[in-house]
Amino acid sequence: MQRILEPGQIESLDRTSIPRLRMPQRAEVFSARAARLRQLADGHPLGDYLRLMAALVDAQQRVLDNFQAERPSPESIEQAQQHCMPLVPASGGYDAGRWQPLLTPLLDAVASQPGVSPAVKAVIDRVRATDPASLEAGAQALLAGHGKGVDAASAPFLMAALQVLWTGVASTFDAGEVPMLDVPNVCPVCGTLPVASVVRIGGAHEGYRYLACGLCSTEWHMVRVKCTHCEASEHVAYHVVDTAGDAAASGEDVAAADGGLLKGKDGRPKLDEAGKRVAASPIRAESCDDCHSYRKIFYQDKDPFVEPVADDLASLALDVLMGEAGYARANGNPLLWQNAEEA
């Protein structure tokens, strides 16, 4: 059973006893994500898109299986460690000349899927026809997080190649090689903002919250009940889509801290129509009234198969409700982009 710690207890923990990192598992990182996307697609309003992304992510795994990433030089690694910098920063030019060869097999794999729509084939043909310089400019815009000048339909394919590259190199590092950054809410391997966070189960990770990188698939520890954007903790709240699917439960409707049964304003556990207690949702939005942003947080003890990129993509209804409540997403999902003028 998980135990919710008070802030004073959190600070008193021996930080060296908490596994700081979860490095990507090269053999299954993308295949597990693809399987989760397919599971979530059944009966989902965006089922076709989730299945399309599952096909792309499956292709990522096959490309990664046959790709040997080039590690930074020992001198570069040592410099990053000494200065508490990301080992392979997304803005550091590591991708130059490396990512575009990974794009073609991804496009080929999706284009060859049975039943792929003419619209998807048109997007793939458009990417194939794009000159290398324009592709590179698009990649830099995606790595910067804004996607300016990149066609939103093409962006997931470009991002998929970049993910293979950075996940490939991240998987070559031991946790002990990765520096602890002065800025705790960016990935210590690539410097990218997290797509979401996950409270893990099992072994040494039991009950701890990890931020999940959408680029290199590294996860790093951050204490719970703390804003993952501005690091404030006083005005953090949790929001869920209620059982009717048509409203958001604000922080006052959620159990104390960030675990337990879903409770009403009277402090009593909520009951469903059959009179049974309603378990807390495995998917919540963690909001902060200091910076007015949010990220989703997933709970493996409520659903052991949660996968941060897949589950974030499949829970857009929660994003809509958070937007209506006046909160902004701290950053986007690598498999779904808006044209810059629409964002």
C-alpha atoms as a PDB file:
ATOM      1  CA  MET A   1       0.000   0.000   0.000  1.00  0.00           C
ATOM      2  CA  GLN A   2       1.328   3.421  -0.904  1.00  0.00           C
ATOM      3  CA  ARG A   3       1.881   5.978   1.829  1.00  0.00           C
ATOM      4  CA  ILE A   4       1.332   9.723   1.320  1.00  0.00           C
ATOM      5  CA  LEU A   5       4.035  11.752   3.043  1.00  0.00           C
ATOM      6  CA  GLU A   6       3.590  15.228   4.468  1.00  0.00           C
ATOM      7  CA  PRO A   7       5.968  17.923   3.132  1.00  0.00           C
ATOM      8  CA  GLY A   8       8.121  17.823   6.282  1.00  0.00           C
ATOM      9  CA  GLN A   9       8.489  14.072   5.986  1.00  0.00           C
ATOM     10  CA  ILE A  10       9.468  14.363   2.325  1.00  0.00           C
ATOM     11  CA  GLU A  11      12.319  16.741   3.136  1.00  0.00           C
ATOM     12  CA  SER A  12      13.591  14.406   5.874  1.00  0.00           C
ATOM     13  CA  LEU A  13      14.004  11.456   3.526  1.00  0.00           C
ATOM     14  CA  ASP A  14      17.471  10.237   2.655  1.00  0.00           C
ATOM     15  CA  ARG A  15      17.544  11.355  -0.985  1.00  0.00           C
ATOM     16  CA  THR A  16      20.320   8.868  -1.779  1.00  0.00           C
ATOM     17  CA  SER A  17      17.868   6.029  -1.053  1.00  0.00           C
ATOM     18  CA  ILE A  18      15.508   7.157  -3.818  1.00  0.00           C
ATOM     19  CA  PRO A  19      16.389   5.941  -7.336  1.00  0.00           C
ATOM     20  CA  ARG A  20      16.997   9.239  -9.113  1.00  0.00           C
ATOM     21  CA  LEU A  21      16.563   7.991 -12.677  1.00  0.00           C
ATOM     22  CA  ARG A  22      14.787   5.396 -14.781  1.00  0.00           C
ATOM     23  CA  MET A  23      16.779   5.034 -17.984  1.00  0.00           C
ATOM     24  CA  PRO A  24      14.960   3.941 -21.171  1.00  0.00           C
ATOM     25  CA  GLN A  25      14.774   0.195 -21.740  1.00  0.00           C
ATOM     26  CA  ARG A  26      16.013  -0.059 -25.293  1.00  0.00           C
ATOM     27  CA  ALA A  27      14.418  -3.425 -26.081  1.00  0.00           C
ATOM     28  CA  GLU A  28      10.864  -2.379 -25.197  1.00  0.00           C
ATOM     29  CA  VAL A  29      10.523   1.385 -24.807  1.00  0.00           C
ATOM     30  CA  PHE A  30       8.585   1.931 -28.039  1.00  0.00           C
ATOM     31  CA  SER A  31       6.918  -1.472 -28.280  1.00  0.00           C
ATOM     32  CA  ALA A  32       5.359  -0.956 -24.830  1.00  0.00           C
ATOM     33  CA  ARG A  33       4.113   2.472 -25.909  1.00  0.00           C
ATOM     34  CA  ALA A  34       2.628   1.053 -29.106  1.00  0.00           C
ATOM     35  CA  ALA A  35       0.838  -1.700 -27.205  1.00  0.00           C
ATOM     36  CA  ARG A  36      -0.640   0.854 -24.818  1.00  0.00           C
ATOM     37  CA  LEU A  37      -1.801   3.063 -27.703  1.00  0.00           C
ATOM     38  CA  ARG A  38      -3.625   0.109 -29.252  1.00  0.00           C
ATOM     39  CA  GLN A  39      -5.209  -0.773 -25.932  1.00  0.00           C
ATOM     40  CA  LEU A  40      -6.419   2.792 -25.454  1.00  0.00           C
ATOM     41  CA  ALA A  41      -7.707   3.001 -29.048  1.00  0.00           C
ATOM     42  CA  ASP A  42     -10.503   0.483 -28.504  1.00  0.00           C
ATOM     43  CA  GLY A  43     -13.741   2.439 -28.269  1.00  0.00           C
ATOM     44  CA  HIS A  44     -11.905   5.777 -28.130  1.00  0.00           C
ATOM     45  CA  PRO A  45     -13.240   8.770 -30.134  1.00  0.00           C
ATOM     46  CA  LEU A  46      -9.699   9.234 -31.489  1.00  0.00           C
ATOM     47  CA  GLY A  47      -9.180   5.523 -32.027  1.00  0.00           C
ATOM     48  CA  ASP A  48      -8.037   5.824 -35.641  1.00  0.00           C
ATOM     49  CA  TYR A  49      -5.379   8.381 -34.731  1.00  0.00           C
ATOM     50  CA  LEU A  50      -4.179   6.339 -31.759  1.00  0.00           C
ATOM     51  CA  ARG A  51      -3.839   3.273 -34.002  1.00  0.00           C
ATOM     52  CA  LEU A  52      -1.943   5.323 -36.604  1.00  0.00           C
ATOM     53  CA  MET A  53       0.463   6.506 -33.925  1.00  0.00           C
ATOM     54  CA  ALA A  54       0.776   2.914 -32.671  1.00  0.00           C
ATOM     55  CA  ALA A  55       1.938   1.880 -36.145  1.00  0.00           C
ATOM     56  CA  LEU A  56       4.469   4.719 -36.142  1.00  0.00           C
ATOM     57  CA  VAL A  57       5.712   3.833 -32.660  1.00  0.00           C
ATOM     58  CA  ASP A  58       6.026   0.155 -33.602  1.00  0.00           C
ATOM     59  CA  ALA A  59       8.215   1.294 -36.500  1.00  0.00           C
ATOM     60  CA  GLN A  60      10.293   3.313 -34.049  1.00  0.00           C
ATOM     61  CA  GLN A  61      11.061   0.156 -32.107  1.00  0.00           C
ATOM     62  CA  ARG A  62      12.172  -1.696 -35.237  1.00  0.00           C
ATOM     63  CA  VAL A  63      14.398   1.192 -36.311  1.00  0.00           C
ATOM     64  CA  LEU A  64      15.863   1.508 -32.818  1.00  0.00           C
ATOM     65  CA  ASP A  65      16.611  -2.225 -32.729  1.00  0.00           C
ATOM     66  CA  ASN A  66      18.903  -1.775 -35.748  1.00  0.00           C
ATOM     67  CA  PHE A  67      20.400   1.577 -34.763  1.00  0.00           C
ATOM     68  CA  GLN A  68      23.623   2.119 -32.878  1.00  0.00           C
ATOM     69  CA  ALA A  69      23.722   5.592 -31.377  1.00  0.00           C
ATOM     70  CA  GLU A  70      26.971   7.497 -31.179  1.00  0.00           C
ATOM     71  CA  ARG A  71      27.798   8.602 -27.654  1.00  0.00           C
ATOM     72  CA  PRO A  72      29.230  12.038 -26.971  1.00  0.00           C
ATOM     73  CA  SER A  73      32.972  12.169 -26.477  1.00  0.00           C
ATOM     74  CA  PRO A  74      34.332  11.421 -22.984  1.00  0.00           C
ATOM     75  CA  GLU A  75      35.389  15.064 -22.799  1.00  0.00           C
ATOM     76  CA  SER A  76      31.839  16.263 -23.525  1.00  0.00           C
ATOM     77  CA  ILE A  77      30.385  13.906 -20.920  1.00  0.00           C
ATOM     78  CA  GLU A  78      32.898  15.061 -18.318  1.00  0.00           C
ATOM     79  CA  GLN A  79      32.147  18.712 -19.063  1.00  0.00           C
ATOM     80  CA  ALA A  80      28.401  18.132 -18.680  1.00  0.00           C
ATOM     81  CA  GLN A  81      28.964  16.352 -15.384  1.00  0.00           C
ATOM     82  CA  GLN A  82      31.228  19.087 -14.014  1.00  0.00           C
ATOM     83  CA  HIS A  83      28.822  21.885 -14.917  1.00  0.00           C
ATOM     84  CA  CYS A  84      25.552  20.049 -14.088  1.00  0.00           C
ATOM     85  CA  MET A  85      24.376  20.252 -17.712  1.00  0.00           C
ATOM     86  CA  PRO A  86      22.327  17.784 -19.813  1.00  0.00           C
ATOM     87  CA  LEU A  87      24.548  15.163 -21.414  1.00  0.00           C
ATOM     88  CA  VAL A  88      23.106  15.513 -24.923  1.00  0.00           C
ATOM     89  CA  PRO A  89      21.067  18.747 -25.006  1.00  0.00           C
ATOM     90  CA  ALA A  90      18.337  18.973 -27.615  1.00  0.00           C
ATOM     91  CA  SER A  91      19.606  22.426 -28.517  1.00  0.00           C
ATOM     92  CA  GLY A  92      23.230  21.334 -28.803  1.00  0.00           C
ATOM     93  CA  GLY A  93      23.309  20.112 -32.398  1.00  0.00           C
ATOM     94  CA  TYR A  94      23.694  16.400 -31.651  1.00  0.00           C
ATOM     95  CA  ASP A  95      21.045  15.596 -34.267  1.00  0.00           C
ATOM     96  CA  ALA A  96      22.963  17.190 -37.171  1.00  0.00           C
ATOM     97  CA  GLY A  97      23.385  14.562 -39.890  1.00  0.00           C
ATOM     98  CA  ARG A  98      22.087  11.777 -37.653  1.00  0.00           C
ATOM     99  CA  TRP A  99      18.296  11.903 -37.554  1.00  0.00           C
ATOM    100  CA  GLN A 100      17.233  12.188 -41.199  1.00  0.00           C
ATOM    101  CA  PRO A 101      18.423   8.662 -42.168  1.00  0.00           C
ATOM    102  CA  LEU A 102      16.082   7.364 -39.442  1.00  0.00           C
ATOM    103  CA  LEU A 103      13.084   9.119 -40.979  1.00  0.00           C
ATOM    104  CA  THR A 104      12.822   7.133 -44.221  1.00  0.00           C
ATOM    105  CA  PRO A 105      12.239   3.681 -42.678  1.00  0.00           C
ATOM    106  CA  LEU A 106       9.604   5.180 -40.382  1.00  0.00           C
ATOM    107  CA  LEU A 107       7.740   6.668 -43.351  1.00  0.00           C
ATOM    108  CA  ASP A 108       8.067   3.408 -45.288  1.00  0.00           C
ATOM    109  CA  ALA A 109       6.686   1.372 -42.393  1.00  0.00           C
ATOM    110  CA  VAL A 110       3.591   3.521 -41.910  1.00  0.00           C
ATOM    111  CA  ALA A 111       2.924   3.856 -45.655  1.00  0.00           C
ATOM    112  CA  SER A 112       2.944   0.066 -46.012  1.00  0.00           C
ATOM    113  CA  GLN A 113       0.323  -0.466 -43.301  1.00  0.00           C
ATOM    114  CA  PRO A 114      -2.861  -2.106 -44.640  1.00  0.00           C
ATOM    115  CA  GLY A 115      -5.739   0.318 -44.794  1.00  0.00           C
ATOM    116  CA  VAL A 116      -3.654   3.461 -44.412  1.00  0.00           C
ATOM    117  CA  SER A 117      -5.777   6.402 -45.555  1.00  0.00           C
ATOM    118  CA  PRO A 118      -5.090   8.531 -48.634  1.00  0.00           C
ATOM    119  CA  ALA A 119      -4.742  11.549 -46.331  1.00  0.00           C
ATOM    120  CA  VAL A 120      -1.950   9.883 -44.371  1.00  0.00           C
ATOM    121  CA  LYS A 121      -0.232   8.783 -47.576  1.00  0.00           C
ATOM    122  CA  ALA A 122      -0.393  12.383 -48.795  1.00  0.00           C
ATOM    123  CA  VAL A 123       1.322  13.579 -45.622  1.00  0.00           C
ATOM    124  CA  ILE A 124       4.036  10.947 -46.008  1.00  0.00           C
ATOM    125  CA  ASP A 125       4.574  11.922 -49.648  1.00  0.00           C
ATOM    126  CA  ARG A 126       4.837  15.551 -48.588  1.00  0.00           C
ATOM    127  CA  VAL A 127       7.511  14.720 -46.033  1.00  0.00           C
ATOM    128  CA  ARG A 128       9.424  12.635 -48.587  1.00  0.00           C
ATOM    129  CA  ALA A 129       9.385  15.564 -51.025  1.00  0.00           C
ATOM    130  CA  THR A 130      10.731  18.050 -48.464  1.00  0.00           C
ATOM    131  CA  ASP A 131      14.346  19.075 -49.022  1.00  0.00           C
ATOM    132  CA  PRO A 132      16.899  18.231 -46.293  1.00  0.00           C
ATOM    133  CA  ALA A 133      17.437  21.861 -45.296  1.00  0.00           C
ATOM    134  CA  SER A 134      13.718  22.380 -44.685  1.00  0.00           C
ATOM    135  CA  LEU A 135      13.506  19.124 -42.750  1.00  0.00           C
ATOM    136  CA  GLU A 136      16.382  20.281 -40.579  1.00  0.00           C
ATOM    137  CA  ALA A 137      14.693  23.617 -39.928  1.00  0.00           C
ATOM    138  CA  GLY A 138      11.527  21.763 -38.953  1.00  0.00           C
ATOM    139  CA  ALA A 139      13.438  19.495 -36.603  1.00  0.00           C
ATOM    140  CA  GLN A 140      15.016  22.450 -34.838  1.00  0.00           C
ATOM    141  CA  ALA A 141      11.584  24.047 -34.380  1.00  0.00           C
ATOM    142  CA  LEU A 142      10.232  20.831 -32.858  1.00  0.00           C
ATOM    143  CA  LEU A 143      13.233  20.466 -30.558  1.00  0.00           C
ATOM    144  CA  ALA A 144      12.660  24.041 -29.429  1.00  0.00           C
ATOM    145  CA  GLY A 145       9.123  23.012 -28.487  1.00  0.00           C
ATOM    146  CA  HIS A 146       7.137  25.408 -30.651  1.00  0.00           C
ATOM    147  CA  GLY A 147       6.958  23.719 -34.078  1.00  0.00           C
ATOM    148  CA  LYS A 148       6.925  27.085 -35.850  1.00  0.00           C
ATOM    149  CA  GLY A 149       6.853  26.619 -39.619  1.00  0.00           C
ATOM    150  CA  VAL A 150       6.233  22.863 -39.356  1.00  0.00           C
ATOM    151  CA  ASP A 151       3.102  21.308 -40.816  1.00  0.00           C
ATOM    152  CA  ALA A 152       1.229  19.833 -37.839  1.00  0.00           C
ATOM    153  CA  ALA A 153       0.379  16.646 -39.756  1.00  0.00           C
ATOM    154  CA  SER A 154       4.045  16.074 -40.640  1.00  0.00           C
ATOM    155  CA  ALA A 155       5.433  16.906 -37.192  1.00  0.00           C
ATOM    156  CA  PRO A 156       4.818  13.498 -35.523  1.00  0.00           C
ATOM    157  CA  PHE A 157       6.891  11.778 -38.233  1.00  0.00           C
ATOM    158  CA  LEU A 158       9.812  14.155 -37.819  1.00  0.00           C
ATOM    159  CA  MET A 159       9.544  13.936 -34.057  1.00  0.00           C
ATOM    160  CA  ALA A 160       9.477  10.137 -34.231  1.00  0.00           C
ATOM    161  CA  ALA A 161      12.892  10.097 -35.918  1.00  0.00           C
ATOM    162  CA  LEU A 162      14.276  12.520 -33.337  1.00  0.00           C
ATOM    163  CA  GLN A 163      12.898  10.330 -30.533  1.00  0.00           C
ATOM    164  CA  VAL A 164      14.666   7.275 -31.934  1.00  0.00           C
ATOM    165  CA  LEU A 165      17.944   9.193 -32.078  1.00  0.00           C
ATOM    166  CA  TRP A 166      17.783  10.584 -28.548  1.00  0.00           C
ATOM    167  CA  THR A 167      16.310   7.449 -26.974  1.00  0.00           C
ATOM    168  CA  GLY A 168      19.074   5.467 -28.643  1.00  0.00           C
ATOM    169  CA  VAL A 169      21.813   7.578 -27.112  1.00  0.00           C
ATOM    170  CA  ALA A 170      20.062   7.878 -23.730  1.00  0.00           C
ATOM    171  CA  SER A 171      19.916   4.094 -23.477  1.00  0.00           C
ATOM    172  CA  THR A 172      23.730   3.905 -23.660  1.00  0.00           C
ATOM    173  CA  PHE A 173      24.179   5.805 -20.383  1.00  0.00           C
ATOM    174  CA  ASP A 174      24.275   4.330 -16.927  1.00  0.00           C
ATOM    175  CA  ALA A 175      22.337   6.298 -14.340  1.00  0.00           C
ATOM    176  CA  GLY A 176      25.593   7.113 -12.581  1.00  0.00           C
ATOM    177  CA  GLU A 177      26.860   8.968 -15.650  1.00  0.00           C
ATOM    178  CA  VAL A 178      23.929  11.366 -15.732  1.00  0.00           C
ATOM    179  CA  PRO A 179      24.521  14.621 -13.827  1.00  0.00           C
ATOM    180  CA  MET A 180      22.069  16.118 -11.369  1.00  0.00           C
ATOM    181  CA  LEU A 181      20.948  19.421 -12.862  1.00  0.00           C
ATOM    182  CA  ASP A 182      20.464  22.709 -11.047  1.00  0.00           C
ATOM    183  CA  VAL A 183      17.076  22.943 -12.808  1.00  0.00           C
ATOM    184  CA  PRO A 184      15.106  19.889 -11.607  1.00  0.00           C
ATOM    185  CA  ASN A 185      12.194  20.104 -14.051  1.00  0.00           C
ATOM    186  CA  VAL A 186      14.125  19.462 -17.287  1.00  0.00           C
ATOM    187  CA  CYS A 187      15.488  16.140 -18.491  1.00  0.00           C
ATOM    188  CA  PRO A 188      19.047  15.564 -17.254  1.00  0.00           C
ATOM    189  CA  VAL A 189      19.936  13.744 -20.480  1.00  0.00           C
ATOM    190  CA  CYS A 190      18.529  16.049 -23.175  1.00  0.00           C
ATOM    191  CA  GLY A 191      17.278  19.151 -21.363  1.00  0.00           C
ATOM    192  CA  THR A 192      13.707  18.740 -22.645  1.00  0.00           C
ATOM    193  CA  LEU A 193      10.632  19.533 -20.555  1.00  0.00           C
ATOM    194  CA  PRO A 194       8.632  16.505 -19.349  1.00  0.00           C
ATOM    195  CA  VAL A 195       5.463  15.466 -21.136  1.00  0.00           C
ATOM    196  CA  ALA A 196       3.862  14.192 -17.902  1.00  0.00           C
ATOM    197  CA  SER A 197       4.729  12.420 -14.672  1.00  0.00           C
ATOM    198  CA  VAL A 198       4.096   8.915 -13.349  1.00  0.00           C
ATOM    199  CA  VAL A 199       3.858   7.549  -9.814  1.00  0.00           C
ATOM    200  CA  ARG A 200       5.532   4.174 -10.218  1.00  0.00           C
ATOM    201  CA  ILE A 201       5.007   0.826  -8.523  1.00  0.00           C
ATOM    202  CA  GLY A 202       7.372  -2.055  -7.931  1.00  0.00           C
ATOM    203  CA  GLY A 203      10.745  -2.495  -6.288  1.00  0.00           C
ATOM    204  CA  ALA A 204      12.844   0.511  -5.432  1.00  0.00           C
ATOM    205  CA  HIS A 205      10.549   2.838  -7.420  1.00  0.00           C
ATOM    206  CA  GLU A 206       7.425   2.054  -5.379  1.00  0.00           C
ATOM    207  CA  GLY A 207       5.421   5.187  -4.623  1.00  0.00           C
ATOM    208  CA  TYR A 208       7.858   7.647  -6.161  1.00  0.00           C
ATOM    209  CA  ARG A 209       6.934  10.195  -8.829  1.00  0.00           C
ATOM    210  CA  TYR A 210       9.024  10.441 -12.011  1.00  0.00           C
ATOM    211  CA  LEU A 211       8.902  13.078 -14.719  1.00  0.00           C
ATOM    212  CA  ALA A 212       8.876  11.544 -18.208  1.00  0.00           C
ATOM    213  CA  CYS A 213      10.833  12.974 -21.126  1.00  0.00           C
ATOM    214  CA  GLY A 214       8.980  12.921 -24.438  1.00  0.00           C
ATOM    215  CA  LEU A 215      12.201  13.049 -26.466  1.00  0.00           C
ATOM    216  CA  CYS A 216      14.710  10.587 -24.991  1.00  0.00           C
ATOM    217  CA  SER A 217      12.352   8.535 -22.759  1.00  0.00           C
ATOM    218  CA  THR A 218      14.409   9.121 -19.606  1.00  0.00           C
ATOM    219  CA  GLU A 219      12.500   9.498 -16.325  1.00  0.00           C
ATOM    220  CA  TRP A 220      13.784  11.450 -13.324  1.00  0.00           C
ATOM    221  CA  HIS A 221      12.510  11.752  -9.777  1.00  0.00           C
ATOM    222  CA  MET A 222      10.582  14.715  -8.390  1.00  0.00           C
ATOM    223  CA  VAL A 223       8.748  14.772  -5.071  1.00  0.00           C
ATOM    224  CA  ARG A 224       4.973  14.609  -5.222  1.00  0.00           C
ATOM    225  CA  VAL A 225       2.535  17.478  -4.584  1.00  0.00           C
ATOM    226  CA  LYS A 226       4.866  19.969  -6.226  1.00  0.00           C
ATOM    227  CA  CYS A 227       4.388  21.934  -9.441  1.00  0.00           C
ATOM    228  CA  THR A 228       6.549  20.404 -12.155  1.00  0.00           C
ATOM    229  CA  HIS A 229       6.687  23.764 -13.948  1.00  0.00           C
ATOM    230  CA  CYS A 230       7.455  26.435 -11.328  1.00  0.00           C
ATOM    231  CA  GLU A 231       8.257  24.124  -8.362  1.00  0.00           C
ATOM    232  CA  ALA A 232       5.722  25.767  -6.052  1.00  0.00           C
ATOM    233  CA  SER A 233       3.783  23.506  -3.685  1.00  0.00           C
ATOM    234  CA  GLU A 234       1.341  25.721  -1.788  1.00  0.00           C
ATOM    235  CA  HIS A 235      -1.343  26.021  -4.479  1.00  0.00           C
ATOM    236  CA  VAL A 236      -1.130  22.642  -6.196  1.00  0.00           C
ATOM    237  CA  ALA A 237      -4.436  20.900  -6.919  1.00  0.00           C
ATOM    238  CA  TYR A 238      -5.580  17.776  -8.746  1.00  0.00           C
ATOM    239  CA  HIS A 239      -8.333  17.473 -11.341  1.00  0.00           C
ATOM    240  CA  VAL A 240     -10.077  14.484 -12.873  1.00  0.00           C
ATOM    241  CA  VAL A 241     -12.805  13.861 -15.416  1.00  0.00           C
ATOM    242  CA  ASP A 242     -15.717  12.621 -13.336  1.00  0.00           C
ATOM    243  CA  THR A 243     -17.443   9.307 -13.912  1.00  0.00           C
ATOM    244  CA  ALA A 244     -20.039  10.936 -16.163  1.00  0.00           C
ATOM    245  CA  GLY A 245     -17.251  12.237 -18.376  1.00  0.00           C
ATOM    246  CA  ASP A 246     -18.779  15.689 -18.620  1.00  0.00           C
ATOM    247  CA  ALA A 247     -17.162  17.719 -15.863  1.00  0.00           C
ATOM    248  CA  ALA A 248     -13.831  18.273 -14.136  1.00  0.00           C
ATOM    249  CA  ALA A 249     -13.431  17.660 -10.437  1.00  0.00           C
ATOM    250  CA  SER A 250     -11.343  20.434  -8.907  1.00  0.00           C
ATOM    251  CA  GLY A 251      -8.785  19.965  -6.180  1.00  0.00           C
ATOM    252  CA  GLU A 252     -11.438  20.251  -3.463  1.00  0.00           C
ATOM    253  CA  ASP A 253     -13.132  17.165  -4.958  1.00  0.00           C
ATOM    254  CA  VAL A 254     -10.007  15.034  -4.807  1.00  0.00           C
ATOM    255  CA  ALA A 255      -8.657  13.079  -1.875  1.00  0.00           C
ATOM    256  CA  ALA A 256      -6.027  14.672   0.336  1.00  0.00           C
ATOM    257  CA  ALA A 257      -2.608  15.043  -1.239  1.00  0.00           C
ATOM    258  CA  ASP A 258      -2.687  13.065  -4.452  1.00  0.00           C
ATOM    259  CA  GLY A 259      -3.895   9.571  -3.677  1.00  0.00           C
ATOM    260  CA  GLY A 260      -6.830   7.590  -2.291  1.00  0.00           C
ATOM    261  CA  LEU A 261     -10.531   7.553  -3.008  1.00  0.00           C
ATOM    262  CA  LEU A 262     -12.336  10.291  -4.898  1.00  0.00           C
ATOM    263  CA  LYS A 263     -14.082  12.485  -2.320  1.00  0.00           C
ATOM    264  CA  GLY A 264     -16.788  15.083  -2.427  1.00  0.00           C
ATOM    265  CA  LYS A 265     -16.808  18.516  -0.835  1.00  0.00           C
ATOM    266  CA  ASP A 266     -18.126  17.046   2.410  1.00  0.00           C
ATOM    267  CA  GLY A 267     -14.963  14.953   2.746  1.00  0.00           C
ATOM    268  CA  ARG A 268     -16.795  11.671   2.305  1.00  0.00           C
ATOM    269  CA  PRO A 269     -15.851   9.166  -0.408  1.00  0.00           C
ATOM    270  CA  LYS A 270     -17.946   9.555  -3.560  1.00  0.00           C
ATOM    271  CA  LEU A 271     -20.296   6.696  -4.404  1.00  0.00           C
ATOM    272  CA  ASP A 272     -21.350   5.450  -7.805  1.00  0.00           C
ATOM    273  CA  GLU A 273     -24.923   4.559  -8.731  1.00  0.00           C
ATOM    274  CA  ALA A 274     -24.500   1.149  -7.154  1.00  0.00           C
ATOM    275  CA  GLY A 275     -23.373   2.684  -3.871  1.00  0.00           C
ATOM    276  CA  LYS A 276     -19.757   1.617  -4.283  1.00  0.00           C
ATOM    277  CA  ARG A 277     -16.870   3.896  -3.469  1.00  0.00           C
ATOM    278  CA  VAL A 278     -15.302   5.557  -6.497  1.00  0.00           C
ATOM    279  CA  ALA A 279     -11.580   4.905  -6.714  1.00  0.00           C
ATOM    280  CA  ALA A 280      -9.313   7.813  -7.562  1.00  0.00           C
ATOM    281  CA  SER A 281      -8.605   8.109 -11.275  1.00  0.00           C
ATOM    282  CA  PRO A 282      -5.292   6.825 -12.687  1.00  0.00           C
ATOM    283  CA  ILE A 283      -5.134  10.040 -14.739  1.00  0.00           C
ATOM    284  CA  ARG A 284      -5.221  13.492 -13.215  1.00  0.00           C
ATOM    285  CA  ALA A 285      -4.148  16.993 -14.088  1.00  0.00           C
ATOM    286  CA  GLU A 286      -1.814  18.533 -11.527  1.00  0.00           C
ATOM    287  CA  SER A 287      -2.438  22.288 -11.607  1.00  0.00           C
ATOM    288  CA  CYS A 288      -0.677  25.208  -9.971  1.00  0.00           C
ATOM    289  CA  ASP A 289      -2.362  28.495  -9.140  1.00  0.00           C
ATOM    290  CA  ASP A 290       1.017  30.216  -8.883  1.00  0.00           C
ATOM    291  CA  CYS A 291       1.937  29.740 -12.556  1.00  0.00           C
ATOM    292  CA  HIS A 292      -1.547  28.746 -13.845  1.00  0.00           C
ATOM    293  CA  SER A 293      -0.189  25.742 -15.710  1.00  0.00           C
ATOM    294  CA  TYR A 294      -0.715  21.991 -15.444  1.00  0.00           C
ATOM    295  CA  ARG A 295       0.721  18.649 -16.404  1.00  0.00           C
ATOM    296  CA  LYS A 296      -0.906  15.264 -16.161  1.00  0.00           C
ATOM    297  CA  ILE A 297       0.129  12.757 -13.566  1.00  0.00           C
ATOM    298  CA  PHE A 298      -0.507   9.017 -13.902  1.00  0.00           C
ATOM    299  CA  TYR A 299      -0.742   6.400 -11.174  1.00  0.00           C
ATOM    300  CA  GLN A 300       0.489   2.880 -11.813  1.00  0.00           C
ATOM    301  CA  ASP A 301      -1.196   1.561  -8.695  1.00  0.00           C
ATOM    302  CA  LYS A 302      -4.532   2.468 -10.298  1.00  0.00           C
ATOM    303  CA  ASP A 303      -3.540   1.133 -13.740  1.00  0.00           C
ATOM    304  CA  PRO A 304      -0.223  -0.749 -14.036  1.00  0.00           C
ATOM    305  CA  PHE A 305      -0.141  -0.278 -17.820  1.00  0.00           C
ATOM    306  CA  VAL A 306      -0.083   3.525 -17.900  1.00  0.00           C
ATOM    307  CA  GLU A 307       2.502   4.929 -20.319  1.00  0.00           C
ATOM    308  CA  PRO A 308       3.065   8.697 -20.117  1.00  0.00           C
ATOM    309  CA  VAL A 309       3.167   9.605 -23.822  1.00  0.00           C
ATOM    310  CA  ALA A 310       0.342   7.255 -24.821  1.00  0.00           C
ATOM    311  CA  ASP A 311      -1.952   8.040 -21.893  1.00  0.00           C
ATOM    312  CA  ASP A 312      -1.368  11.766 -22.242  1.00  0.00           C
ATOM    313  CA  LEU A 313      -2.365  11.589 -25.910  1.00  0.00           C
ATOM    314  CA  ALA A 314      -5.492   9.560 -25.149  1.00  0.00           C
ATOM    315  CA  SER A 315      -6.772  11.907 -22.425  1.00  0.00           C
ATOM    316  CA  LEU A 316      -7.408  15.059 -24.461  1.00  0.00           C
ATOM    317  CA  ALA A 317     -10.812  15.483 -22.803  1.00  0.00           C
ATOM    318  CA  LEU A 318      -8.985  16.429 -19.618  1.00  0.00           C
ATOM    319  CA  ASP A 319      -6.940  18.996 -21.571  1.00  0.00           C
ATOM    320  CA  VAL A 320     -10.129  20.587 -22.870  1.00  0.00           C
ATOM    321  CA  LEU A 321     -11.589  20.832 -19.388  1.00  0.00           C
ATOM    322  CA  MET A 322      -8.365  22.280 -17.962  1.00  0.00           C
ATOM    323  CA  GLY A 323      -8.310  24.889 -20.709  1.00  0.00           C
ATOM    324  CA  GLU A 324     -11.882  25.827 -19.912  1.00  0.00           C
ATOM    325  CA  ALA A 325     -10.851  26.199 -16.262  1.00  0.00           C
ATOM    326  CA  GLY A 326      -8.155  28.711 -17.251  1.00  0.00           C
ATOM    327  CA  TYR A 327      -5.017  26.570 -17.020  1.00  0.00           C
ATOM    328  CA  ALA A 328      -2.384  26.236 -19.758  1.00  0.00           C
ATOM    329  CA  ARG A 329      -0.517  23.062 -20.641  1.00  0.00           C
ATOM    330  CA  ALA A 330       3.094  23.355 -19.557  1.00  0.00           C
ATOM    331  CA  ASN A 331       4.156  21.713 -22.831  1.00  0.00           C
ATOM    332  CA  GLY A 332       2.767  19.494 -25.573  1.00  0.00           C
ATOM    333  CA  ASN A 333       2.759  15.840 -26.582  1.00  0.00           C
ATOM    334  CA  PRO A 334       5.377  14.706 -29.116  1.00  0.00           C
ATOM    335  CA  LEU A 335       2.773  12.779 -31.124  1.00  0.00           C
ATOM    336  CA  LEU A 336       0.319  15.674 -31.504  1.00  0.00           C
ATOM    337  CA  TRP A 337       1.156  19.161 -32.730  1.00  0.00           C
ATOM    338  CA  GLN A 338      -0.739  22.296 -33.640  1.00  0.00           C
ATOM    339  CA  ASN A 339       0.289  24.730 -36.346  1.00  0.00           C
ATOM    340  CA  ALA A 340       2.033  27.615 -34.605  1.00  0.00           C
ATOM    341  CA  GLU A 341      -0.671  30.113 -35.595  1.00  0.00           C
ATOM    342  CA  GLU A 342      -3.335  27.864 -33.988  1.00  0.00           C
ATOM    343  CA  ALA A 343      -1.496  27.264 -30.737  1.00  0.00           C
END
